[in-house]
Structure formats: C-alpha cells, structure tokens
C-alpha cells in the first residue's frame, strides 16, 4: 500500500510539474502550479523540498524588490 501511495504522489506531482513547466511557455498559471507540484513531490523526495525552499526564497526576494520599486513611485 505504501508503494502505491508513493507511485501516486510521484505521478500526480510529476504531471503537475510538467503542466507547470508547459505553462511557462504557454499562457497559464505556472507561478501557482509549479509550487503546488513541488509541495506534493516534497512529501516523498527531499530534493523537491530543497527546490521548494529555493522557489520560496526567490519569490520572497522578487516580492520585496517589487514592493520597493512601487514604494518609490
């Protein structure tokens, strides 16, 4: 049963990640789909947890830069 759960999480997370990566090129909400896929994959794979943390750091830095840019205007 545990193996089936791992396979299901891997398949669903991989599919979401693939869709998110496609949405980078195609019009779509990649900024929402990719972190969702990483959250799902991080339940089984430590490398996905590291990627999620990097994504969170970059998102926070981007938000801070945008805040400072619009605060100056």
C-alpha atoms as a PDB file:
ATOM      1  CA  UNK A   1       0.000   0.000   0.000  1.00  0.00           C
ATOM      2  CA  UNK A   2       2.856   2.359   0.817  1.00  0.00           C
ATOM      3  CA  UNK A   3       4.421   1.730  -2.597  1.00  0.00           C
ATOM      4  CA  UNK A   4       1.120   2.553  -4.325  1.00  0.00           C
ATOM      5  CA  UNK A   5       0.913   5.841  -2.411  1.00  0.00           C
ATOM      6  CA  UNK A   6       4.468   6.768  -3.419  1.00  0.00           C
ATOM      7  CA  UNK A   7       3.744   5.961  -7.066  1.00  0.00           C
ATOM      8  CA  UNK A   8       0.524   8.003  -6.985  1.00  0.00           C
ATOM      9  CA  UNK A   9       2.260  11.013  -5.409  1.00  0.00           C
ATOM     10  CA  UNK A  10       5.121  10.747  -7.905  1.00  0.00           C
ATOM     11  CA  UNK A  11       2.765  10.528 -10.868  1.00  0.00           C
ATOM     12  CA  UNK A  12       0.495  13.372  -9.732  1.00  0.00           C
ATOM     13  CA  UNK A  13       3.401  15.627  -8.721  1.00  0.00           C
ATOM     14  CA  UNK A  14       5.313  14.894 -11.906  1.00  0.00           C
ATOM     15  CA  UNK A  15       2.258  15.583 -14.034  1.00  0.00           C
ATOM     16  CA  UNK A  16       1.597  18.871 -12.239  1.00  0.00           C
ATOM     17  CA  UNK A  17       5.241  19.856 -12.601  1.00  0.00           C
ATOM     18  CA  UNK A  18       5.169  19.080 -16.306  1.00  0.00           C
ATOM     19  CA  UNK A  19       1.991  21.136 -16.731  1.00  0.00           C
ATOM     20  CA  UNK A  20       3.567  23.992 -14.759  1.00  0.00           C
ATOM     21  CA  UNK A  21       6.659  23.931 -16.939  1.00  0.00           C
ATOM     22  CA  UNK A  22       4.473  23.981 -20.049  1.00  0.00           C
ATOM     23  CA  UNK A  23       2.645  26.988 -18.619  1.00  0.00           C
ATOM     24  CA  UNK A  24       5.936  28.899 -18.567  1.00  0.00           C
ATOM     25  CA  UNK A  25       5.881  28.818 -22.369  1.00  0.00           C
ATOM     26  CA  UNK A  26       2.113  28.703 -22.874  1.00  0.00           C
ATOM     27  CA  UNK A  27      -0.303  31.114 -21.222  1.00  0.00           C
ATOM     28  CA  UNK A  28      -1.250  29.755 -17.838  1.00  0.00           C
ATOM     29  CA  UNK A  29      -0.708  30.000 -14.065  1.00  0.00           C
ATOM     30  CA  UNK A  30       2.792  28.480 -13.853  1.00  0.00           C
ATOM     31  CA  UNK A  31       3.553  30.509 -10.721  1.00  0.00           C
ATOM     32  CA  UNK A  32       0.793  28.571  -8.921  1.00  0.00           C
ATOM     33  CA  UNK A  33       1.137  25.112 -10.459  1.00  0.00           C
ATOM     34  CA  UNK A  34       4.890  24.629 -10.000  1.00  0.00           C
ATOM     35  CA  UNK A  35       4.927  25.236  -6.212  1.00  0.00           C
ATOM     36  CA  UNK A  36       1.871  23.017  -5.827  1.00  0.00           C
ATOM     37  CA  UNK A  37       3.689  20.220  -7.650  1.00  0.00           C
ATOM     38  CA  UNK A  38       6.786  20.731  -5.502  1.00  0.00           C
ATOM     39  CA  UNK A  39       4.721  20.578  -2.315  1.00  0.00           C
ATOM     40  CA  UNK A  40       3.238  17.289  -3.451  1.00  0.00           C
ATOM     41  CA  UNK A  41       6.598  15.844  -4.502  1.00  0.00           C
ATOM     42  CA  UNK A  42       8.314  17.024  -1.304  1.00  0.00           C
ATOM     43  CA  UNK A  43       6.217  14.537   0.650  1.00  0.00           C
ATOM     44  CA  UNK A  44       8.321  11.736  -0.872  1.00  0.00           C
ATOM     45  CA  UNK A  45      11.526  13.327  -2.207  1.00  0.00           C
ATOM     46  CA  UNK A  46      13.923  15.545  -0.213  1.00  0.00           C
ATOM     47  CA  UNK A  47      15.284  17.183  -3.387  1.00  0.00           C
ATOM     48  CA  UNK A  48      11.808  18.543  -4.145  1.00  0.00           C
ATOM     49  CA  UNK A  49      11.761  20.106  -0.671  1.00  0.00           C
ATOM     50  CA  UNK A  50      15.037  21.890  -1.455  1.00  0.00           C
ATOM     51  CA  UNK A  51      13.650  23.150  -4.781  1.00  0.00           C
ATOM     52  CA  UNK A  52      10.514  24.364  -2.997  1.00  0.00           C
ATOM     53  CA  UNK A  53      12.604  26.294  -0.481  1.00  0.00           C
ATOM     54  CA  UNK A  54      14.612  27.889  -3.307  1.00  0.00           C
ATOM     55  CA  UNK A  55      11.395  28.835  -5.074  1.00  0.00           C
ATOM     56  CA  UNK A  56      10.068  30.385  -1.858  1.00  0.00           C
ATOM     57  CA  UNK A  57      13.271  32.393  -1.347  1.00  0.00           C
ATOM     58  CA  UNK A  58      13.266  33.692  -4.919  1.00  0.00           C
ATOM     59  CA  UNK A  59       9.570  34.548  -4.686  1.00  0.00           C
ATOM     60  CA  UNK A  60      10.094  36.465  -1.454  1.00  0.00           C
ATOM     61  CA  UNK A  61      13.053  38.388  -2.914  1.00  0.00           C
ATOM     62  CA  UNK A  62      11.043  39.232  -6.022  1.00  0.00           C
ATOM     63  CA  UNK A  63       8.134  40.452  -3.940  1.00  0.00           C
ATOM     64  CA  UNK A  64      10.450  42.636  -1.832  1.00  0.00           C
ATOM     65  CA  UNK A  65      12.004  44.170  -4.966  1.00  0.00           C
ATOM     66  CA  UNK A  66       8.586  44.881  -6.444  1.00  0.00           C
ATOM     67  CA  UNK A  67       7.426  46.439  -3.172  1.00  0.00           C
ATOM     68  CA  UNK A  68      10.431  48.734  -3.052  1.00  0.00           C
ATOM     69  CA  UNK A  69      10.011  49.622  -6.739  1.00  0.00           C
ATOM     70  CA  UNK A  70       6.363  50.622  -6.313  1.00  0.00           C
ATOM     71  CA  UNK A  71       7.022  52.367  -2.993  1.00  0.00           C
ATOM     72  CA  UNK A  72       9.397  54.753  -4.772  1.00  0.00           C
ATOM     73  CA  UNK A  73       6.727  55.788  -7.268  1.00  0.00           C
END
